[in-house]
Amino acid sequence: MLHKKTSKYRKYENCTKITRKRTMLINEKTESTIFLNSTWIVILITGLRFLISVIPMLVSSRNKMLNYRTLALIIK
């Protein structure tokens, strides 16, 4: 014979359901934040690589411009 669920057991069951839902939500939030953090880190690294590759070119082009200006001043 099957015994009926008591009110205490029902309360316990409802609490466990609620806590499971909460833990699921918390896990989803942490996963999304970890994903966002990883994407931002990747974006920052690529940006830094780009800057590291571009800055020397800019500096060298400025030096060339300065050299051309000095040559023009010398010729005049």
PDB file of N, CA and C in Angstrom:
ATOM      1  N   MET A   1       0.827  -1.200   0.000  1.00  0.00           N
ATOM      2  CA  MET A   1       0.000   0.000   0.000  1.00  0.00           C
ATOM      3  C   MET A   1       0.871   1.263   0.000  1.00  0.00           C
ATOM      4  N   LEU A   2       0.570   2.177  -0.915  1.00  0.00           N
ATOM      5  CA  LEU A   2       1.339   3.412  -1.015  1.00  0.00           C
ATOM      6  C   LEU A   2       0.918   4.404   0.060  1.00  0.00           C
ATOM      7  N   HIS A   3       1.921   4.986   0.713  1.00  0.00           N
ATOM      8  CA  HIS A   3       1.569   5.970   1.743  1.00  0.00           C
ATOM      9  C   HIS A   3       1.444   7.359   1.124  1.00  0.00           C
ATOM     10  N   LYS A   4       0.558   8.156   1.669  1.00  0.00           N
ATOM     11  CA  LYS A   4       0.338   9.507   1.150  1.00  0.00           C
ATOM     12  C   LYS A   4       1.499  10.410   1.562  1.00  0.00           C
ATOM     13  N   LYS A   5       1.807  11.392   0.697  1.00  0.00           N
ATOM     14  CA  LYS A   5       2.856  12.351   1.028  1.00  0.00           C
ATOM     15  C   LYS A   5       2.360  13.272   2.129  1.00  0.00           C
ATOM     16  N   THR A   6       3.144  13.396   3.173  1.00  0.00           N
ATOM     17  CA  THR A   6       2.771  14.293   4.271  1.00  0.00           C
ATOM     18  C   THR A   6       3.062  15.733   3.875  1.00  0.00           C
ATOM     19  N   SER A   7       2.483  16.661   4.616  1.00  0.00           N
ATOM     20  CA  SER A   7       2.672  18.075   4.315  1.00  0.00           C
ATOM     21  C   SER A   7       4.132  18.490   4.491  1.00  0.00           C
ATOM     22  N   LYS A   8       4.819  17.898   5.493  1.00  0.00           N
ATOM     23  CA  LYS A   8       6.234  18.214   5.701  1.00  0.00           C
ATOM     24  C   LYS A   8       7.054  17.793   4.488  1.00  0.00           C
ATOM     25  N   TYR A   9       6.781  16.618   3.974  1.00  0.00           N
ATOM     26  CA  TYR A   9       7.515  16.123   2.815  1.00  0.00           C
ATOM     27  C   TYR A   9       7.258  17.008   1.597  1.00  0.00           C
ATOM     28  N   ARG A  10       6.005  17.458   1.428  1.00  0.00           N
ATOM     29  CA  ARG A  10       5.668  18.354   0.315  1.00  0.00           C
ATOM     30  C   ARG A  10       6.457  19.648   0.410  1.00  0.00           C
ATOM     31  N   LYS A  11       6.523  20.215   1.635  1.00  0.00           N
ATOM     32  CA  LYS A  11       7.284  21.446   1.836  1.00  0.00           C
ATOM     33  C   LYS A  11       8.750  21.232   1.467  1.00  0.00           C
ATOM     34  N   TYR A  12       9.300  20.102   1.921  1.00  0.00           N
ATOM     35  CA  TYR A  12      10.694  19.777   1.625  1.00  0.00           C
ATOM     36  C   TYR A  12      10.904  19.654   0.116  1.00  0.00           C
ATOM     37  N   GLU A  13       9.953  18.994  -0.557  1.00  0.00           N
ATOM     38  CA  GLU A  13      10.052  18.805  -2.002  1.00  0.00           C
ATOM     39  C   GLU A  13      10.037  20.153  -2.732  1.00  0.00           C
ATOM     40  N   ASN A  14       9.105  21.037  -2.322  1.00  0.00           N
ATOM     41  CA  ASN A  14       9.028  22.370  -2.928  1.00  0.00           C
ATOM     42  C   ASN A  14      10.316  23.145  -2.713  1.00  0.00           C
ATOM     43  N   CYS A  15      10.888  23.064  -1.513  1.00  0.00           N
ATOM     44  CA  CYS A  15      12.139  23.770  -1.222  1.00  0.00           C
ATOM     45  C   CYS A  15      13.267  23.264  -2.105  1.00  0.00           C
ATOM     46  N   THR A  16      13.341  21.955  -2.266  1.00  0.00           N
ATOM     47  CA  THR A  16      14.408  21.406  -3.101  1.00  0.00           C
ATOM     48  C   THR A  16      14.234  21.826  -4.553  1.00  0.00           C
ATOM     49  N   LYS A  17      12.996  21.887  -5.024  1.00  0.00           N
ATOM     50  CA  LYS A  17      12.745  22.350  -6.399  1.00  0.00           C
ATOM     51  C   LYS A  17      13.215  23.796  -6.567  1.00  0.00           C
ATOM     52  N   ILE A  18      12.860  24.634  -5.585  1.00  0.00           N
ATOM     53  CA  ILE A  18      13.230  26.047  -5.654  1.00  0.00           C
ATOM     54  C   ILE A  18      14.748  26.207  -5.635  1.00  0.00           C
ATOM     55  N   THR A  19      15.411  25.463  -4.747  1.00  0.00           N
ATOM     56  CA  THR A  19      16.872  25.575  -4.662  1.00  0.00           C
ATOM     57  C   THR A  19      17.530  25.074  -5.937  1.00  0.00           C
ATOM     58  N   ARG A  20      16.986  24.038  -6.541  1.00  0.00           N
ATOM     59  CA  ARG A  20      17.526  23.563  -7.816  1.00  0.00           C
ATOM     60  C   ARG A  20      17.416  24.643  -8.880  1.00  0.00           C
ATOM     61  N   LYS A  21      16.247  25.291  -8.944  1.00  0.00           N
ATOM     62  CA  LYS A  21      16.055  26.370  -9.923  1.00  0.00           C
ATOM     63  C   LYS A  21      17.058  27.494  -9.684  1.00  0.00           C
ATOM     64  N   ARG A  22      17.229  27.848  -8.402  1.00  0.00           N
ATOM     65  CA  ARG A  22      18.175  28.925  -8.070  1.00  0.00           C
ATOM     66  C   ARG A  22      19.595  28.568  -8.482  1.00  0.00           C
ATOM     67  N   THR A  23      19.998  27.340  -8.163  1.00  0.00           N
ATOM     68  CA  THR A  23      21.355  26.929  -8.527  1.00  0.00           C
ATOM     69  C   THR A  23      21.529  26.896 -10.040  1.00  0.00           C
ATOM     70  N   MET A  24      20.506  26.494 -10.757  1.00  0.00           N
ATOM     71  CA  MET A  24      20.572  26.496 -12.221  1.00  0.00           C
ATOM     72  C   MET A  24      20.766  27.916 -12.731  1.00  0.00           C
ATOM     73  N   LEU A  25      19.972  28.857 -12.188  1.00  0.00           N
ATOM     74  CA  LEU A  25      20.083  30.251 -12.604  1.00  0.00           C
ATOM     75  C   LEU A  25      21.467  30.803 -12.286  1.00  0.00           C
ATOM     76  N   ILE A  26      21.970  30.504 -11.081  1.00  0.00           N
ATOM     77  CA  ILE A  26      23.291  30.991 -10.689  1.00  0.00           C
ATOM     78  C   ILE A  26      24.358  30.431 -11.619  1.00  0.00           C
ATOM     79  N   ASN A  27      24.263  29.148 -11.940  1.00  0.00           N
ATOM     80  CA  ASN A  27      25.230  28.530 -12.847  1.00  0.00           C
ATOM     81  C   ASN A  27      25.181  29.183 -14.223  1.00  0.00           C
ATOM     82  N   GLU A  28      23.980  29.447 -14.729  1.00  0.00           N
ATOM     83  CA  GLU A  28      23.853  30.107 -16.030  1.00  0.00           C
ATOM     84  C   GLU A  28      24.487  31.487 -16.001  1.00  0.00           C
ATOM     85  N   LYS A  29      24.222  32.241 -14.902  1.00  0.00           N
ATOM     86  CA  LYS A  29      24.796  33.587 -14.800  1.00  0.00           C
ATOM     87  C   LYS A  29      26.315  33.537 -14.780  1.00  0.00           C
ATOM     88  N   THR A  30      26.889  32.633 -13.991  1.00  0.00           N
ATOM     89  CA  THR A  30      28.346  32.549 -13.905  1.00  0.00           C
ATOM     90  C   THR A  30      28.944  32.131 -15.235  1.00  0.00           C
ATOM     91  N   GLU A  31      28.292  31.201 -15.927  1.00  0.00           N
ATOM     92  CA  GLU A  31      28.788  30.783 -17.238  1.00  0.00           C
ATOM     93  C   GLU A  31      28.782  31.949 -18.212  1.00  0.00           C
ATOM     94  N   SER A  32      27.704  32.743 -18.205  1.00  0.00           N
ATOM     95  CA  SER A  32      27.626  33.877 -19.130  1.00  0.00           C
ATOM     96  C   SER A  32      28.678  34.924 -18.786  1.00  0.00           C
ATOM     97  N   THR A  33      28.897  35.180 -17.490  1.00  0.00           N
ATOM     98  CA  THR A  33      29.907  36.178 -17.117  1.00  0.00           C
ATOM     99  C   THR A  33      31.298  35.693 -17.477  1.00  0.00           C
ATOM    100  N   ILE A  34      31.562  34.405 -17.286  1.00  0.00           N
ATOM    101  CA  ILE A  34      32.869  33.855 -17.672  1.00  0.00           C
ATOM    102  C   ILE A  34      33.056  34.005 -19.172  1.00  0.00           C
ATOM    103  N   PHE A  35      32.009  33.725 -19.951  1.00  0.00           N
ATOM    104  CA  PHE A  35      32.085  33.857 -21.406  1.00  0.00           C
ATOM    105  C   PHE A  35      32.365  35.302 -21.788  1.00  0.00           C
ATOM    106  N   LEU A  36      31.642  36.258 -21.156  1.00  0.00           N
ATOM    107  CA  LEU A  36      31.850  37.664 -21.453  1.00  0.00           C
ATOM    108  C   LEU A  36      33.266  38.094 -21.103  1.00  0.00           C
ATOM    109  N   ASN A  37      33.746  37.673 -19.941  1.00  0.00           N
ATOM    110  CA  ASN A  37      35.100  38.025 -19.541  1.00  0.00           C
ATOM    111  C   ASN A  37      36.124  37.481 -20.522  1.00  0.00           C
ATOM    112  N   SER A  38      35.937  36.247 -20.981  1.00  0.00           N
ATOM    113  CA  SER A  38      36.887  35.652 -21.921  1.00  0.00           C
ATOM    114  C   SER A  38      36.854  36.398 -23.254  1.00  0.00           C
ATOM    115  N   THR A  39      35.669  36.800 -23.712  1.00  0.00           N
ATOM    116  CA  THR A  39      35.601  37.542 -24.978  1.00  0.00           C
ATOM    117  C   THR A  39      36.284  38.889 -24.841  1.00  0.00           C
ATOM    118  N   TRP A  40      36.072  39.572 -23.703  1.00  0.00           N
ATOM    119  CA  TRP A  40      36.744  40.864 -23.506  1.00  0.00           C
ATOM    120  C   TRP A  40      38.254  40.704 -23.471  1.00  0.00           C
ATOM    121  N   ILE A  41      38.736  39.634 -22.825  1.00  0.00           N
ATOM    122  CA  ILE A  41      40.183  39.392 -22.761  1.00  0.00           C
ATOM    123  C   ILE A  41      40.736  39.178 -24.168  1.00  0.00           C
ATOM    124  N   VAL A  42      40.024  38.406 -24.979  1.00  0.00           N
ATOM    125  CA  VAL A  42      40.468  38.148 -26.357  1.00  0.00           C
ATOM    126  C   VAL A  42      40.501  39.447 -27.146  1.00  0.00           C
ATOM    127  N   ILE A  43      39.468  40.283 -27.000  1.00  0.00           N
ATOM    128  CA  ILE A  43      39.413  41.560 -27.709  1.00  0.00           C
ATOM    129  C   ILE A  43      40.578  42.450 -27.288  1.00  0.00           C
ATOM    130  N   LEU A  44      40.850  42.508 -25.975  1.00  0.00           N
ATOM    131  CA  LEU A  44      41.962  43.319 -25.490  1.00  0.00           C
ATOM    132  C   LEU A  44      43.296  42.830 -26.025  1.00  0.00           C
ATOM    133  N   ILE A  45      43.499  41.514 -26.049  1.00  0.00           N
ATOM    134  CA  ILE A  45      44.770  40.958 -26.541  1.00  0.00           C
ATOM    135  C   ILE A  45      44.956  41.289 -28.015  1.00  0.00           C
ATOM    136  N   THR A  46      43.890  41.127 -28.821  1.00  0.00           N
ATOM    137  CA  THR A  46      44.006  41.433 -30.251  1.00  0.00           C
ATOM    138  C   THR A  46      44.263  42.928 -30.459  1.00  0.00           C
ATOM    139  N   GLY A  47      43.599  43.768 -29.648  1.00  0.00           N
ATOM    140  CA  GLY A  47      43.828  45.211 -29.738  1.00  0.00           C
ATOM    141  C   GLY A  47      45.260  45.574 -29.403  1.00  0.00           C
ATOM    142  N   LEU A  48      45.797  44.960 -28.360  1.00  0.00           N
ATOM    143  CA  LEU A  48      47.190  45.223 -27.974  1.00  0.00           C
ATOM    144  C   LEU A  48      48.150  44.762 -29.069  1.00  0.00           C
ATOM    145  N   ARG A  49      47.902  43.603 -29.655  1.00  0.00           N
ATOM    146  CA  ARG A  49      48.743  43.126 -30.758  1.00  0.00           C
ATOM    147  C   ARG A  49      48.715  44.116 -31.915  1.00  0.00           C
ATOM    148  N   PHE A  50      47.507  44.601 -32.252  1.00  0.00           N
ATOM    149  CA  PHE A  50      47.358  45.555 -33.339  1.00  0.00           C
ATOM    150  C   PHE A  50      48.147  46.831 -33.048  1.00  0.00           C
ATOM    151  N   LEU A  51      48.005  47.346 -31.809  1.00  0.00           N
ATOM    152  CA  LEU A  51      48.730  48.562 -31.430  1.00  0.00           C
ATOM    153  C   LEU A  51      50.238  48.344 -31.477  1.00  0.00           C
ATOM    154  N   ILE A  52      50.690  47.194 -30.981  1.00  0.00           N
ATOM    155  CA  ILE A  52      52.124  46.903 -30.988  1.00  0.00           C
ATOM    156  C   ILE A  52      52.652  46.856 -32.417  1.00  0.00           C
ATOM    157  N   SER A  53      51.852  46.342 -33.351  1.00  0.00           N
ATOM    158  CA  SER A  53      52.308  46.268 -34.741  1.00  0.00           C
ATOM    159  C   SER A  53      52.209  47.614 -35.451  1.00  0.00           C
ATOM    160  N   VAL A  54      51.247  48.469 -35.042  1.00  0.00           N
ATOM    161  CA  VAL A  54      51.018  49.729 -35.759  1.00  0.00           C
ATOM    162  C   VAL A  54      51.898  50.870 -35.233  1.00  0.00           C
ATOM    163  N   ILE A  55      52.135  50.932 -33.921  1.00  0.00           N
ATOM    164  CA  ILE A  55      52.871  52.056 -33.341  1.00  0.00           C
ATOM    165  C   ILE A  55      54.264  52.234 -33.967  1.00  0.00           C
ATOM    166  N   PRO A  56      55.060  51.173 -34.135  1.00  0.00           N
ATOM    167  CA  PRO A  56      56.367  51.377 -34.771  1.00  0.00           C
ATOM    168  C   PRO A  56      56.265  51.961 -36.184  1.00  0.00           C
ATOM    169  N   MET A  57      55.250  51.555 -36.931  1.00  0.00           N
ATOM    170  CA  MET A  57      55.051  52.100 -38.271  1.00  0.00           C
ATOM    171  C   MET A  57      54.765  53.601 -38.194  1.00  0.00           C
ATOM    172  N   LEU A  58      53.888  53.989 -37.254  1.00  0.00           N
ATOM    173  CA  LEU A  58      53.565  55.402 -37.089  1.00  0.00           C
ATOM    174  C   LEU A  58      54.801  56.201 -36.706  1.00  0.00           C
ATOM    175  N   VAL A  59      55.581  55.658 -35.785  1.00  0.00           N
ATOM    176  CA  VAL A  59      56.785  56.347 -35.328  1.00  0.00           C
ATOM    177  C   VAL A  59      57.767  56.500 -36.472  1.00  0.00           C
ATOM    178  N   SER A  60      57.955  55.443 -37.252  1.00  0.00           N
ATOM    179  CA  SER A  60      58.901  55.513 -38.367  1.00  0.00           C
ATOM    180  C   SER A  60      58.406  56.510 -39.422  1.00  0.00           C
ATOM    181  N   SER A  61      57.093  56.558 -39.669  1.00  0.00           N
ATOM    182  CA  SER A  61      56.567  57.505 -40.660  1.00  0.00           C
ATOM    183  C   SER A  61      56.747  58.937 -40.157  1.00  0.00           C
ATOM    184  N   ARG A  62      56.602  59.172 -38.845  1.00  0.00           N
ATOM    185  CA  ARG A  62      56.844  60.504 -38.302  1.00  0.00           C
ATOM    186  C   ARG A  62      58.307  60.880 -38.466  1.00  0.00           C
ATOM    187  N   ASN A  63      59.203  59.933 -38.215  1.00  0.00           N
ATOM    188  CA  ASN A  63      60.635  60.209 -38.383  1.00  0.00           C
ATOM    189  C   ASN A  63      60.944  60.547 -39.835  1.00  0.00           C
ATOM    190  N   LYS A  64      60.313  59.826 -40.759  1.00  0.00           N
ATOM    191  CA  LYS A  64      60.515  60.120 -42.179  1.00  0.00           C
ATOM    192  C   LYS A  64      60.030  61.527 -42.499  1.00  0.00           C
ATOM    193  N   MET A  65      58.853  61.882 -41.958  1.00  0.00           N
ATOM    194  CA  MET A  65      58.328  63.229 -42.191  1.00  0.00           C
ATOM    195  C   MET A  65      59.286  64.278 -41.645  1.00  0.00           C
ATOM    196  N   LEU A  66      59.821  64.041 -40.450  1.00  0.00           N
ATOM    197  CA  LEU A  66      60.784  64.981 -39.867  1.00  0.00           C
ATOM    198  C   LEU A  66      62.035  65.063 -40.728  1.00  0.00           C
ATOM    199  N   ASN A  67      62.486  63.930 -41.243  1.00  0.00           N
ATOM    200  CA  ASN A  67      63.665  63.925 -42.113  1.00  0.00           C
ATOM    201  C   ASN A  67      63.403  64.724 -43.386  1.00  0.00           C
ATOM    202  N   TYR A  68      62.210  64.540 -43.970  1.00  0.00           N
ATOM    203  CA  TYR A  68      61.875  65.299 -45.174  1.00  0.00           C
ATOM    204  C   TYR A  68      61.820  66.787 -44.873  1.00  0.00           C
ATOM    205  N   ARG A  69      61.288  67.180 -43.716  1.00  0.00           N
ATOM    206  CA  ARG A  69      61.215  68.592 -43.351  1.00  0.00           C
ATOM    207  C   ARG A  69      62.610  69.174 -43.173  1.00  0.00           C
ATOM    208  N   THR A  70      63.466  68.411 -42.494  1.00  0.00           N
ATOM    209  CA  THR A  70      64.823  68.917 -42.296  1.00  0.00           C
ATOM    210  C   THR A  70      65.547  69.043 -43.636  1.00  0.00           C
ATOM    211  N   LEU A  71      65.341  68.073 -44.538  1.00  0.00           N
ATOM    212  CA  LEU A  71      65.946  68.156 -45.878  1.00  0.00           C
ATOM    213  C   LEU A  71      65.443  69.386 -46.618  1.00  0.00           C
ATOM    214  N   ALA A  72      64.138  69.644 -46.525  1.00  0.00           N
ATOM    215  CA  ALA A  72      63.561  70.809 -47.199  1.00  0.00           C
ATOM    216  C   ALA A  72      64.156  72.089 -46.626  1.00  0.00           C
ATOM    217  N   LEU A  73      64.331  72.186 -45.301  1.00  0.00           N
ATOM    218  CA  LEU A  73      64.923  73.359 -44.677  1.00  0.00           C
ATOM    219  C   LEU A  73      66.378  73.543 -45.110  1.00  0.00           C
ATOM    220  N   ILE A  74      67.102  72.422 -45.222  1.00  0.00           N
ATOM    221  CA  ILE A  74      68.510  72.492 -45.633  1.00  0.00           C
ATOM    222  C   ILE A  74      68.611  72.965 -47.084  1.00  0.00           C
ATOM    223  N   ILE A  75      67.721  72.430 -47.949  1.00  0.00           N
ATOM    224  CA  ILE A  75      67.747  72.808 -49.374  1.00  0.00           C
ATOM    225  C   ILE A  75      67.422  74.284 -49.534  1.00  0.00           C
ATOM    226  N   LYS A  76      66.441  74.790 -48.752  1.00  0.00           N
ATOM    227  CA  LYS A  76      66.077  76.204 -48.849  1.00  0.00           C
ATOM    228  C   LYS A  76      67.231  77.033 -48.334  1.00  0.00           C
TER     229      LYS A  76
END
